[in-house]
Amino acid sequence: MSNQSLKNIPKFKWQKSFQDHYIRNNYDLKNHMNYINTNNIKHNLPDDWQYVGYNYPNLLTV
């Protein structure tokens, strides 16, 4: 990943409730990707919410 690409990644802090998770299989991976890409809808955020996973396709490729 180039330095220019890294500049486009939003800065964030881990939430206190954060727990890591190992991706176990393709089904698990697809579930997590779906969660990342649709979480804004669940929380009534705008459709053009800047932190939707679809805005970072290089980080979410399978």
PDB file of N, CA and C in Angstrom:
ATOM      1  N   MET A   1       0.853  -1.166   0.000  1.00  0.00           N
ATOM      2  CA  MET A   1       0.000   0.000   0.000  1.00  0.00           C
ATOM      3  C   MET A   1       0.903   1.234   0.000  1.00  0.00           C
ATOM      4  N   SER A   2       0.607   2.176  -0.858  1.00  0.00           N
ATOM      5  CA  SER A   2       1.443   3.368  -0.968  1.00  0.00           C
ATOM      6  C   SER A   2       1.148   4.362   0.152  1.00  0.00           C
ATOM      7  N   ASN A   3       2.071   5.284   0.355  1.00  0.00           N
ATOM      8  CA  ASN A   3       1.874   6.325   1.369  1.00  0.00           C
ATOM      9  C   ASN A   3       0.649   7.168   1.061  1.00  0.00           C
ATOM     10  N   GLN A   4       0.399   7.414  -0.231  1.00  0.00           N
ATOM     11  CA  GLN A   4      -0.778   8.202  -0.622  1.00  0.00           C
ATOM     12  C   GLN A   4      -2.057   7.476  -0.210  1.00  0.00           C
ATOM     13  N   SER A   5      -2.092   6.164  -0.384  1.00  0.00           N
ATOM     14  CA  SER A   5      -3.271   5.380   0.001  1.00  0.00           C
ATOM     15  C   SER A   5      -3.487   5.439   1.508  1.00  0.00           C
ATOM     16  N   LEU A   6      -2.417   5.420   2.269  1.00  0.00           N
ATOM     17  CA  LEU A   6      -2.529   5.449   3.722  1.00  0.00           C
ATOM     18  C   LEU A   6      -3.091   6.774   4.222  1.00  0.00           C
ATOM     19  N   LYS A   7      -2.868   7.850   3.501  1.00  0.00           N
ATOM     20  CA  LYS A   7      -3.385   9.156   3.902  1.00  0.00           C
ATOM     21  C   LYS A   7      -4.906   9.207   3.815  1.00  0.00           C
ATOM     22  N   ASN A   8      -5.514   8.333   3.002  1.00  0.00           N
ATOM     23  CA  ASN A   8      -6.967   8.325   2.815  1.00  0.00           C
ATOM     24  C   ASN A   8      -7.707   7.501   3.862  1.00  0.00           C
ATOM     25  N   ILE A   9      -6.974   6.824   4.724  1.00  0.00           N
ATOM     26  CA  ILE A   9      -7.604   5.994   5.751  1.00  0.00           C
ATOM     27  C   ILE A   9      -7.949   6.895   6.938  1.00  0.00           C
ATOM     28  N   PRO A  10      -9.203   6.870   7.383  1.00  0.00           N
ATOM     29  CA  PRO A  10      -9.587   7.751   8.498  1.00  0.00           C
ATOM     30  C   PRO A  10      -8.876   7.366   9.793  1.00  0.00           C
ATOM     31  N   LYS A  11      -8.565   8.362  10.600  1.00  0.00           N
ATOM     32  CA  LYS A  11      -7.970   8.108  11.909  1.00  0.00           C
ATOM     33  C   LYS A  11      -9.081   7.734  12.878  1.00  0.00           C
ATOM     34  N   PHE A  12      -8.800   6.829  13.750  1.00  0.00           N
ATOM     35  CA  PHE A  12      -9.822   6.398  14.700  1.00  0.00           C
ATOM     36  C   PHE A  12      -9.171   5.886  15.977  1.00  0.00           C
ATOM     37  N   LYS A  13      -9.986   5.691  16.980  1.00  0.00           N
ATOM     38  CA  LYS A  13      -9.554   5.068  18.225  1.00  0.00           C
ATOM     39  C   LYS A  13     -10.443   3.849  18.450  1.00  0.00           C
ATOM     40  N   TRP A  14      -9.868   2.802  19.003  1.00  0.00           N
ATOM     41  CA  TRP A  14     -10.656   1.618  19.307  1.00  0.00           C
ATOM     42  C   TRP A  14     -11.679   1.955  20.380  1.00  0.00           C
ATOM     43  N   GLN A  15     -12.861   1.413  20.210  1.00  0.00           N
ATOM     44  CA  GLN A  15     -13.888   1.594  21.223  1.00  0.00           C
ATOM     45  C   GLN A  15     -13.538   0.749  22.436  1.00  0.00           C
ATOM     46  N   LYS A  16     -13.986   1.175  23.609  1.00  0.00           N
ATOM     47  CA  LYS A  16     -13.690   0.422  24.832  1.00  0.00           C
ATOM     48  C   LYS A  16     -14.265  -0.985  24.779  1.00  0.00           C
ATOM     49  N   SER A  17     -15.346  -1.162  24.046  1.00  0.00           N
ATOM     50  CA  SER A  17     -15.982  -2.475  23.959  1.00  0.00           C
ATOM     51  C   SER A  17     -15.380  -3.343  22.849  1.00  0.00           C
ATOM     52  N   PHE A  18     -14.332  -2.857  22.194  1.00  0.00           N
ATOM     53  CA  PHE A  18     -13.724  -3.593  21.090  1.00  0.00           C
ATOM     54  C   PHE A  18     -13.197  -4.948  21.549  1.00  0.00           C
ATOM     55  N   GLN A  19     -13.471  -5.964  20.727  1.00  0.00           N
ATOM     56  CA  GLN A  19     -12.895  -7.292  20.935  1.00  0.00           C
ATOM     57  C   GLN A  19     -12.423  -7.793  19.590  1.00  0.00           C
ATOM     58  N   ASP A  20     -11.218  -8.312  19.540  1.00  0.00           N
ATOM     59  CA  ASP A  20     -10.715  -8.802  18.271  1.00  0.00           C
ATOM     60  C   ASP A  20     -11.379 -10.134  17.920  1.00  0.00           C
ATOM     61  N   HIS A  21     -11.244 -10.528  16.667  1.00  0.00           N
ATOM     62  CA  HIS A  21     -11.902 -11.737  16.191  1.00  0.00           C
ATOM     63  C   HIS A  21     -11.092 -12.309  15.036  1.00  0.00           C
ATOM     64  N   TYR A  22     -10.816 -13.581  15.078  1.00  0.00           N
ATOM     65  CA  TYR A  22     -10.175 -14.253  13.960  1.00  0.00           C
ATOM     66  C   TYR A  22     -11.237 -14.649  12.956  1.00  0.00           C
ATOM     67  N   ILE A  23     -10.996 -14.370  11.692  1.00  0.00           N
ATOM     68  CA  ILE A  23     -11.904 -14.810  10.639  1.00  0.00           C
ATOM     69  C   ILE A  23     -11.691 -16.309  10.454  1.00  0.00           C
ATOM     70  N   ARG A  24     -12.753 -17.065  10.638  1.00  0.00           N
ATOM     71  CA  ARG A  24     -12.639 -18.533  10.662  1.00  0.00           C
ATOM     72  C   ARG A  24     -12.750 -19.179   9.285  1.00  0.00           C
ATOM     73  N   ASN A  25     -13.569 -18.589   8.411  1.00  0.00           N
ATOM     74  CA  ASN A  25     -13.800 -19.185   7.100  1.00  0.00           C
ATOM     75  C   ASN A  25     -14.439 -18.135   6.181  1.00  0.00           C
ATOM     76  N   ASN A  26     -14.740 -18.507   4.956  1.00  0.00           N
ATOM     77  CA  ASN A  26     -15.324 -17.556   4.004  1.00  0.00           C
ATOM     78  C   ASN A  26     -16.683 -17.054   4.449  1.00  0.00           C
ATOM     79  N   TYR A  27     -17.458 -17.904   5.056  1.00  0.00           N
ATOM     80  CA  TYR A  27     -18.777 -17.492   5.556  1.00  0.00           C
ATOM     81  C   TYR A  27     -18.628 -16.402   6.620  1.00  0.00           C
ATOM     82  N   ASP A  28     -17.711 -16.601   7.531  1.00  0.00           N
ATOM     83  CA  ASP A  28     -17.432 -15.621   8.580  1.00  0.00           C
ATOM     84  C   ASP A  28     -16.933 -14.308   7.975  1.00  0.00           C
ATOM     85  N   LEU A  29     -16.052 -14.394   6.990  1.00  0.00           N
ATOM     86  CA  LEU A  29     -15.535 -13.210   6.314  1.00  0.00           C
ATOM     87  C   LEU A  29     -16.665 -12.425   5.653  1.00  0.00           C
ATOM     88  N   LYS A  30     -17.534 -13.116   4.936  1.00  0.00           N
ATOM     89  CA  LYS A  30     -18.652 -12.439   4.259  1.00  0.00           C
ATOM     90  C   LYS A  30     -19.586 -11.782   5.267  1.00  0.00           C
ATOM     91  N   ASN A  31     -19.824 -12.437   6.390  1.00  0.00           N
ATOM     92  CA  ASN A  31     -20.674 -11.837   7.424  1.00  0.00           C
ATOM     93  C   ASN A  31     -20.063 -10.557   7.979  1.00  0.00           C
ATOM     94  N   HIS A  32     -18.767 -10.570   8.221  1.00  0.00           N
ATOM     95  CA  HIS A  32     -18.106  -9.378   8.742  1.00  0.00           C
ATOM     96  C   HIS A  32     -18.059  -8.256   7.714  1.00  0.00           C
ATOM     97  N   MET A  33     -17.830  -8.596   6.462  1.00  0.00           N
ATOM     98  CA  MET A  33     -17.832  -7.572   5.418  1.00  0.00           C
ATOM     99  C   MET A  33     -19.223  -6.967   5.272  1.00  0.00           C
ATOM    100  N   ASN A  34     -20.249  -7.792   5.353  1.00  0.00           N
ATOM    101  CA  ASN A  34     -21.613  -7.289   5.282  1.00  0.00           C
ATOM    102  C   ASN A  34     -21.897  -6.351   6.456  1.00  0.00           C
ATOM    103  N   TYR A  35     -21.442  -6.713   7.633  1.00  0.00           N
ATOM    104  CA  TYR A  35     -21.610  -5.860   8.812  1.00  0.00           C
ATOM    105  C   TYR A  35     -20.947  -4.495   8.606  1.00  0.00           C
ATOM    106  N   ILE A  36     -19.719  -4.511   8.114  1.00  0.00           N
ATOM    107  CA  ILE A  36     -18.981  -3.270   7.886  1.00  0.00           C
ATOM    108  C   ILE A  36     -19.695  -2.390   6.874  1.00  0.00           C
ATOM    109  N   ASN A  37     -20.195  -3.000   5.825  1.00  0.00           N
ATOM    110  CA  ASN A  37     -20.788  -2.234   4.728  1.00  0.00           C
ATOM    111  C   ASN A  37     -22.223  -1.796   4.979  1.00  0.00           C
ATOM    112  N   THR A  38     -22.896  -2.362   5.960  1.00  0.00           N
ATOM    113  CA  THR A  38     -24.299  -1.988   6.201  1.00  0.00           C
ATOM    114  C   THR A  38     -24.543  -1.425   7.600  1.00  0.00           C
ATOM    115  N   ASN A  39     -23.498  -1.300   8.404  1.00  0.00           N
ATOM    116  CA  ASN A  39     -23.661  -0.833   9.775  1.00  0.00           C
ATOM    117  C   ASN A  39     -24.230   0.587   9.833  1.00  0.00           C
ATOM    118  N   ASN A  40     -23.913   1.425   8.843  1.00  0.00           N
ATOM    119  CA  ASN A  40     -24.452   2.787   8.832  1.00  0.00           C
ATOM    120  C   ASN A  40     -25.978   2.789   8.721  1.00  0.00           C
ATOM    121  N   ILE A  41     -26.537   1.829   8.020  1.00  0.00           N
ATOM    122  CA  ILE A  41     -27.994   1.746   7.867  1.00  0.00           C
ATOM    123  C   ILE A  41     -28.629   1.390   9.208  1.00  0.00           C
ATOM    124  N   LYS A  42     -28.035   0.435   9.900  1.00  0.00           N
ATOM    125  CA  LYS A  42     -28.536   0.006  11.204  1.00  0.00           C
ATOM    126  C   LYS A  42     -28.610   1.167  12.188  1.00  0.00           C
ATOM    127  N   HIS A  43     -27.657   2.091  12.092  1.00  0.00           N
ATOM    128  CA  HIS A  43     -27.582   3.207  13.036  1.00  0.00           C
ATOM    129  C   HIS A  43     -28.143   4.513  12.464  1.00  0.00           C
ATOM    130  N   ASN A  44     -28.913   4.383  11.389  1.00  0.00           N
ATOM    131  CA  ASN A  44     -29.598   5.528  10.767  1.00  0.00           C
ATOM    132  C   ASN A  44     -28.649   6.661  10.385  1.00  0.00           C
ATOM    133  N   LEU A  45     -27.479   6.292   9.904  1.00  0.00           N
ATOM    134  CA  LEU A  45     -26.534   7.287   9.402  1.00  0.00           C
ATOM    135  C   LEU A  45     -26.842   7.538   7.926  1.00  0.00           C
ATOM    136  N   PRO A  46     -26.414   8.658   7.375  1.00  0.00           N
ATOM    137  CA  PRO A  46     -26.723   8.960   5.979  1.00  0.00           C
ATOM    138  C   PRO A  46     -26.145   7.937   5.009  1.00  0.00           C
ATOM    139  N   ASP A  47     -26.783   7.802   3.852  1.00  0.00           N
ATOM    140  CA  ASP A  47     -26.303   6.862   2.837  1.00  0.00           C
ATOM    141  C   ASP A  47     -24.897   7.203   2.362  1.00  0.00           C
ATOM    142  N   ASP A  48     -24.551   8.472   2.412  1.00  0.00           N
ATOM    143  CA  ASP A  48     -23.227   8.880   1.959  1.00  0.00           C
ATOM    144  C   ASP A  48     -22.238   9.017   3.121  1.00  0.00           C
ATOM    145  N   TRP A  49     -22.483   8.313   4.202  1.00  0.00           N
ATOM    146  CA  TRP A  49     -21.604   8.334   5.377  1.00  0.00           C
ATOM    147  C   TRP A  49     -20.185   8.007   4.938  1.00  0.00           C
ATOM    148  N   GLN A  50     -19.224   8.856   5.297  1.00  0.00           N
ATOM    149  CA  GLN A  50     -17.863   8.737   4.766  1.00  0.00           C
ATOM    150  C   GLN A  50     -17.123   7.489   5.219  1.00  0.00           C
ATOM    151  N   TYR A  51     -17.522   6.876   6.312  1.00  0.00           N
ATOM    152  CA  TYR A  51     -16.788   5.727   6.829  1.00  0.00           C
ATOM    153  C   TYR A  51     -17.388   4.380   6.441  1.00  0.00           C
ATOM    154  N   VAL A  52     -18.277   4.381   5.473  1.00  0.00           N
ATOM    155  CA  VAL A  52     -18.824   3.117   4.979  1.00  0.00           C
ATOM    156  C   VAL A  52     -17.701   2.351   4.288  1.00  0.00           C
ATOM    157  N   GLY A  53     -17.653   1.060   4.521  1.00  0.00           N
ATOM    158  CA  GLY A  53     -16.586   0.240   3.956  1.00  0.00           C
ATOM    159  C   GLY A  53     -16.455   0.337   2.455  1.00  0.00           C
ATOM    160  N   TYR A  54     -17.552   0.604   1.744  1.00  0.00           N
ATOM    161  CA  TYR A  54     -17.497   0.716   0.291  1.00  0.00           C
ATOM    162  C   TYR A  54     -16.592   1.854  -0.166  1.00  0.00           C
ATOM    163  N   ASN A  55     -16.313   2.813   0.700  1.00  0.00           N
ATOM    164  CA  ASN A  55     -15.426   3.915   0.342  1.00  0.00           C
ATOM    165  C   ASN A  55     -13.958   3.515   0.406  1.00  0.00           C
ATOM    166  N   TYR A  56     -13.674   2.318   0.886  1.00  0.00           N
ATOM    167  CA  TYR A  56     -12.302   1.824   1.018  1.00  0.00           C
ATOM    168  C   TYR A  56     -12.181   0.429   0.408  1.00  0.00           C
ATOM    169  N   PRO A  57     -12.438   0.313  -0.910  1.00  0.00           N
ATOM    170  CA  PRO A  57     -12.466  -1.018  -1.534  1.00  0.00           C
ATOM    171  C   PRO A  57     -11.134  -1.766  -1.457  1.00  0.00           C
ATOM    172  N   ASN A  58     -10.028  -1.032  -1.418  1.00  0.00           N
ATOM    173  CA  ASN A  58      -8.722  -1.712  -1.349  1.00  0.00           C
ATOM    174  C   ASN A  58      -8.514  -2.407  -0.007  1.00  0.00           C
ATOM    175  N   LEU A  59      -9.219  -1.974   1.008  1.00  0.00           N
ATOM    176  CA  LEU A  59      -9.087  -2.608   2.311  1.00  0.00           C
ATOM    177  C   LEU A  59     -10.065  -3.762   2.506  1.00  0.00           C
ATOM    178  N   LEU A  60     -11.074  -3.845   1.646  1.00  0.00           N
ATOM    179  CA  LEU A  60     -12.118  -4.851   1.817  1.00  0.00           C
ATOM    180  C   LEU A  60     -12.219  -5.821   0.654  1.00  0.00           C
ATOM    181  N   THR A  61     -11.115  -6.151   0.049  1.00  0.00           N
ATOM    182  CA  THR A  61     -11.150  -7.100  -1.059  1.00  0.00           C
ATOM    183  C   THR A  61     -11.037  -8.517  -0.522  1.00  0.00           C
ATOM    184  N   VAL A  62     -11.711  -9.410  -1.192  1.00  0.00           N
ATOM    185  CA  VAL A  62     -11.676 -10.820  -0.797  1.00  0.00           C
ATOM    186  C   VAL A  62     -10.775 -11.576  -1.737  1.00  0.00           C
TER     187      VAL A  62
END
